[in-house]
Amino acid sequence: MKISIDIDCTAQEAREVMGLPDLKPLQEIWLAQIEKKMIDDMERFSPDSLIKSWTSNSSGGAAWIQSLFESVSQNSTAGTDDKKSKKE
């Protein structure tokens, strides 16, 4: 014997029938806190604040960034020189 029952109700109605608690207010509070934390963290990780933190905490911070950019530019120009010599 096979019995099949179809119940047409919303998720909220099903939770009420089963006696489960309504977590929507708790979820809204939690999401508001997450949103506030994300906004605060975005301000902290802006490009300006990252560069300031890299350069202000150590005396060699600015020199380190300059040497980083120099090495990147040297590596990029070295690759183009090799390609030109191979084509010739």
N, C-alpha and C. Protein backbone atom coordinates (compact mmCIF):
# COMPACT_ATOMS: atom_id res chain seq x y z
N MET A 1 0.85 -1.16 0.00
CA MET A 1 0.00 0.00 0.00
C MET A 1 0.91 1.23 0.00
N LYS A 2 0.56 2.18 -0.83
CA LYS A 2 1.33 3.40 -0.94
C LYS A 2 0.39 4.59 -0.76
N ILE A 3 0.74 5.46 0.20
CA ILE A 3 -0.08 6.64 0.47
C ILE A 3 0.80 7.87 0.21
N SER A 4 0.25 8.80 -0.46
CA SER A 4 0.97 10.02 -0.78
C SER A 4 0.14 11.22 -0.34
N ILE A 5 0.79 12.16 0.35
CA ILE A 5 0.10 13.36 0.83
C ILE A 5 0.88 14.57 0.33
N ASP A 6 0.22 15.49 -0.33
CA ASP A 6 0.82 16.74 -0.78
C ASP A 6 0.34 17.87 0.12
N ILE A 7 1.28 18.60 0.66
CA ILE A 7 0.94 19.74 1.51
C ILE A 7 1.46 21.00 0.83
N ASP A 8 0.59 21.94 0.65
CA ASP A 8 0.97 23.19 0.00
C ASP A 8 1.00 24.29 1.05
N CYS A 9 2.22 24.64 1.49
CA CYS A 9 2.36 25.70 2.48
C CYS A 9 3.71 26.37 2.30
N THR A 10 3.84 27.53 2.88
CA THR A 10 5.11 28.25 2.81
C THR A 10 6.06 27.69 3.87
N ALA A 11 7.31 28.09 3.77
CA ALA A 11 8.30 27.64 4.76
C ALA A 11 7.93 28.16 6.15
N GLN A 12 7.45 29.39 6.21
CA GLN A 12 7.05 29.97 7.49
C GLN A 12 5.89 29.17 8.11
N GLU A 13 4.92 28.81 7.29
CA GLU A 13 3.79 28.03 7.79
C GLU A 13 4.24 26.65 8.26
N ALA A 14 5.18 26.03 7.54
CA ALA A 14 5.67 24.71 7.94
C ALA A 14 6.40 24.80 9.28
N ARG A 15 7.20 25.85 9.48
CA ARG A 15 7.89 26.02 10.76
C ARG A 15 6.90 26.20 11.90
N GLU A 16 5.84 26.96 11.67
CA GLU A 16 4.83 27.16 12.71
C GLU A 16 4.12 25.86 13.06
N VAL A 17 3.80 25.04 12.05
CA VAL A 17 3.11 23.77 12.28
C VAL A 17 4.00 22.83 13.08
N MET A 18 5.30 22.81 12.79
CA MET A 18 6.23 21.91 13.49
C MET A 18 6.71 22.49 14.81
N GLY A 19 6.36 23.73 15.10
CA GLY A 19 6.74 24.32 16.37
C GLY A 19 8.17 24.84 16.41
N LEU A 20 8.77 25.08 15.26
CA LEU A 20 10.13 25.59 15.22
C LEU A 20 10.13 27.11 15.46
N PRO A 21 11.18 27.63 16.05
CA PRO A 21 11.21 29.07 16.34
C PRO A 21 11.43 29.90 15.07
N ASP A 22 10.97 31.13 15.13
CA ASP A 22 11.16 32.08 14.03
C ASP A 22 12.52 32.74 14.22
N LEU A 23 13.46 32.46 13.34
CA LEU A 23 14.81 32.98 13.47
C LEU A 23 15.05 34.24 12.64
N LYS A 24 14.03 34.75 11.97
CA LYS A 24 14.21 35.92 11.10
C LYS A 24 14.74 37.13 11.87
N PRO A 25 14.22 37.48 13.05
CA PRO A 25 14.78 38.64 13.76
C PRO A 25 16.26 38.43 14.14
N LEU A 26 16.59 37.22 14.54
CA LEU A 26 17.98 36.92 14.88
C LEU A 26 18.88 37.03 13.64
N GLN A 27 18.40 36.53 12.50
CA GLN A 27 19.16 36.61 11.27
C GLN A 27 19.37 38.06 10.83
N GLU A 28 18.36 38.90 10.99
CA GLU A 28 18.48 40.31 10.61
C GLU A 28 19.52 41.02 11.47
N ILE A 29 19.52 40.74 12.76
CA ILE A 29 20.53 41.34 13.66
C ILE A 29 21.92 40.87 13.27
N TRP A 30 22.05 39.59 13.02
CA TRP A 30 23.35 39.01 12.65
C TRP A 30 23.85 39.60 11.34
N LEU A 31 22.98 39.71 10.33
CA LEU A 31 23.38 40.27 9.05
C LEU A 31 23.77 41.74 9.18
N ALA A 32 23.07 42.49 10.02
CA ALA A 32 23.43 43.90 10.24
C ALA A 32 24.82 44.01 10.86
N GLN A 33 25.14 43.14 11.80
CA GLN A 33 26.47 43.15 12.41
C GLN A 33 27.54 42.77 11.39
N ILE A 34 27.28 41.78 10.57
CA ILE A 34 28.23 41.36 9.53
C ILE A 34 28.46 42.50 8.54
N GLU A 35 27.38 43.17 8.14
CA GLU A 35 27.51 44.29 7.20
C GLU A 35 28.34 45.42 7.79
N LYS A 36 28.11 45.74 9.06
CA LYS A 36 28.88 46.80 9.72
C LYS A 36 30.36 46.43 9.80
N LYS A 37 30.64 45.18 10.12
CA LYS A 37 32.03 44.72 10.21
C LYS A 37 32.70 44.77 8.84
N MET A 38 31.99 44.37 7.80
CA MET A 38 32.56 44.41 6.46
C MET A 38 32.88 45.84 6.04
N ILE A 39 32.00 46.79 6.33
CA ILE A 39 32.23 48.19 5.98
C ILE A 39 33.42 48.73 6.75
N ASP A 40 33.52 48.41 8.04
CA ASP A 40 34.67 48.86 8.84
C ASP A 40 35.97 48.28 8.30
N ASP A 41 35.95 47.01 7.91
CA ASP A 41 37.15 46.37 7.39
C ASP A 41 37.53 46.91 6.02
N MET A 42 36.56 47.28 5.20
CA MET A 42 36.87 47.85 3.89
C MET A 42 37.62 49.17 4.04
N GLU A 43 37.24 49.97 5.01
CA GLU A 43 37.93 51.23 5.25
C GLU A 43 39.36 50.97 5.71
N ARG A 44 39.56 49.95 6.50
CA ARG A 44 40.88 49.64 7.02
C ARG A 44 41.80 49.10 5.92
N PHE A 45 41.23 48.42 4.93
CA PHE A 45 42.04 47.82 3.88
C PHE A 45 41.99 48.61 2.57
N SER A 46 41.78 49.91 2.64
CA SER A 46 41.84 50.72 1.44
C SER A 46 43.29 50.81 0.97
N PRO A 47 43.53 51.04 -0.30
CA PRO A 47 44.91 51.12 -0.79
C PRO A 47 45.75 52.17 -0.04
N ASP A 48 45.15 53.31 0.27
CA ASP A 48 45.89 54.36 0.99
C ASP A 48 46.33 53.88 2.36
N SER A 49 45.42 53.25 3.09
CA SER A 49 45.78 52.81 4.45
C SER A 49 46.79 51.67 4.41
N LEU A 50 46.70 50.80 3.41
CA LEU A 50 47.69 49.72 3.30
C LEU A 50 49.08 50.28 3.06
N ILE A 51 49.21 51.23 2.15
CA ILE A 51 50.52 51.81 1.86
C ILE A 51 51.04 52.58 3.06
N LYS A 52 50.15 53.29 3.75
CA LYS A 52 50.58 54.01 4.96
C LYS A 52 51.08 53.04 6.02
N SER A 53 50.39 51.92 6.18
CA SER A 53 50.83 50.96 7.20
C SER A 53 52.15 50.30 6.80
N TRP A 54 52.37 50.10 5.52
CA TRP A 54 53.62 49.50 5.07
C TRP A 54 54.80 50.46 5.26
N THR A 55 54.55 51.75 5.06
CA THR A 55 55.66 52.71 5.09
C THR A 55 55.87 53.34 6.45
N SER A 56 54.86 53.40 7.29
CA SER A 56 55.01 54.13 8.55
C SER A 56 55.58 53.27 9.68
N ASN A 57 55.36 51.98 9.65
CA ASN A 57 55.78 51.13 10.77
C ASN A 57 57.27 50.82 10.78
N SER A 58 57.90 50.88 9.64
CA SER A 58 59.32 50.56 9.59
C SER A 58 60.06 51.65 8.84
N SER A 59 61.30 51.85 9.20
CA SER A 59 62.09 52.89 8.56
C SER A 59 62.41 52.52 7.11
N GLY A 60 62.47 51.24 6.80
CA GLY A 60 62.79 50.82 5.44
C GLY A 60 61.57 50.52 4.61
N GLY A 61 60.39 50.88 5.08
CA GLY A 61 59.17 50.56 4.36
C GLY A 61 59.09 51.19 3.00
N ALA A 62 59.38 52.49 2.92
CA ALA A 62 59.32 53.19 1.64
C ALA A 62 60.39 52.66 0.70
N ALA A 63 61.57 52.38 1.22
CA ALA A 63 62.64 51.84 0.39
C ALA A 63 62.27 50.45 -0.12
N TRP A 64 61.60 49.68 0.70
CA TRP A 64 61.18 48.34 0.30
C TRP A 64 60.20 48.42 -0.86
N ILE A 65 59.22 49.31 -0.78
CA ILE A 65 58.23 49.45 -1.85
C ILE A 65 58.91 49.94 -3.12
N GLN A 66 59.84 50.89 -2.99
CA GLN A 66 60.55 51.39 -4.16
C GLN A 66 61.36 50.27 -4.82
N SER A 67 62.05 49.47 -4.02
CA SER A 67 62.83 48.37 -4.60
C SER A 67 61.92 47.31 -5.23
N LEU A 68 60.73 47.12 -4.66
CA LEU A 68 59.77 46.19 -5.23
C LEU A 68 59.35 46.65 -6.62
N PHE A 69 58.99 47.93 -6.75
CA PHE A 69 58.58 48.46 -8.05
C PHE A 69 59.74 48.43 -9.05
N GLU A 70 60.95 48.71 -8.58
CA GLU A 70 62.11 48.67 -9.48
C GLU A 70 62.35 47.25 -10.00
N SER A 71 62.25 46.27 -9.12
CA SER A 71 62.48 44.89 -9.55
C SER A 71 61.39 44.44 -10.52
N VAL A 72 60.16 44.87 -10.29
CA VAL A 72 59.07 44.50 -11.20
C VAL A 72 59.31 45.14 -12.56
N SER A 73 59.70 46.40 -12.58
CA SER A 73 59.91 47.07 -13.87
C SER A 73 61.13 46.48 -14.59
N GLN A 74 62.16 46.12 -13.84
CA GLN A 74 63.33 45.50 -14.47
C GLN A 74 62.98 44.14 -15.06
N ASN A 75 62.18 43.38 -14.35
CA ASN A 75 61.79 42.06 -14.85
C ASN A 75 60.91 42.18 -16.09
N SER A 76 60.05 43.19 -16.11
CA SER A 76 59.17 43.33 -17.28
C SER A 76 59.95 43.83 -18.48
N THR A 77 60.93 44.70 -18.30
CA THR A 77 61.72 45.16 -19.44
C THR A 77 62.72 44.11 -19.88
N ALA A 78 63.21 43.30 -18.97
CA ALA A 78 64.15 42.24 -19.33
C ALA A 78 63.46 41.21 -20.21
N GLY A 79 62.23 40.94 -19.97
CA GLY A 79 61.47 39.98 -20.79
C GLY A 79 61.25 40.49 -22.19
N THR A 80 61.03 41.80 -22.35
CA THR A 80 60.81 42.34 -23.70
C THR A 80 62.10 42.39 -24.49
N ASP A 81 63.25 42.60 -23.84
CA ASP A 81 64.53 42.60 -24.53
C ASP A 81 64.84 41.22 -25.08
N ASP A 82 64.54 40.17 -24.30
CA ASP A 82 64.79 38.80 -24.73
C ASP A 82 63.92 38.46 -25.94
N LYS A 83 62.70 38.91 -25.95
CA LYS A 83 61.79 38.62 -27.07
C LYS A 83 62.27 39.31 -28.34
N LYS A 84 62.77 40.55 -28.20
CA LYS A 84 63.27 41.28 -29.38
C LYS A 84 64.48 40.58 -29.97
N SER A 85 65.39 40.14 -29.11
CA SER A 85 66.60 39.48 -29.62
C SER A 85 66.27 38.14 -30.27
N LYS A 86 65.25 37.45 -29.81
CA LYS A 86 64.88 36.17 -30.40
C LYS A 86 64.26 36.37 -31.79
N LYS A 87 63.52 37.49 -31.96
CA LYS A 87 62.87 37.75 -33.25
C LYS A 87 63.92 38.10 -34.31
N GLU A 88 65.01 38.72 -33.90
CA GLU A 88 66.04 39.15 -34.86
C GLU A 88 66.92 38.05 -35.22
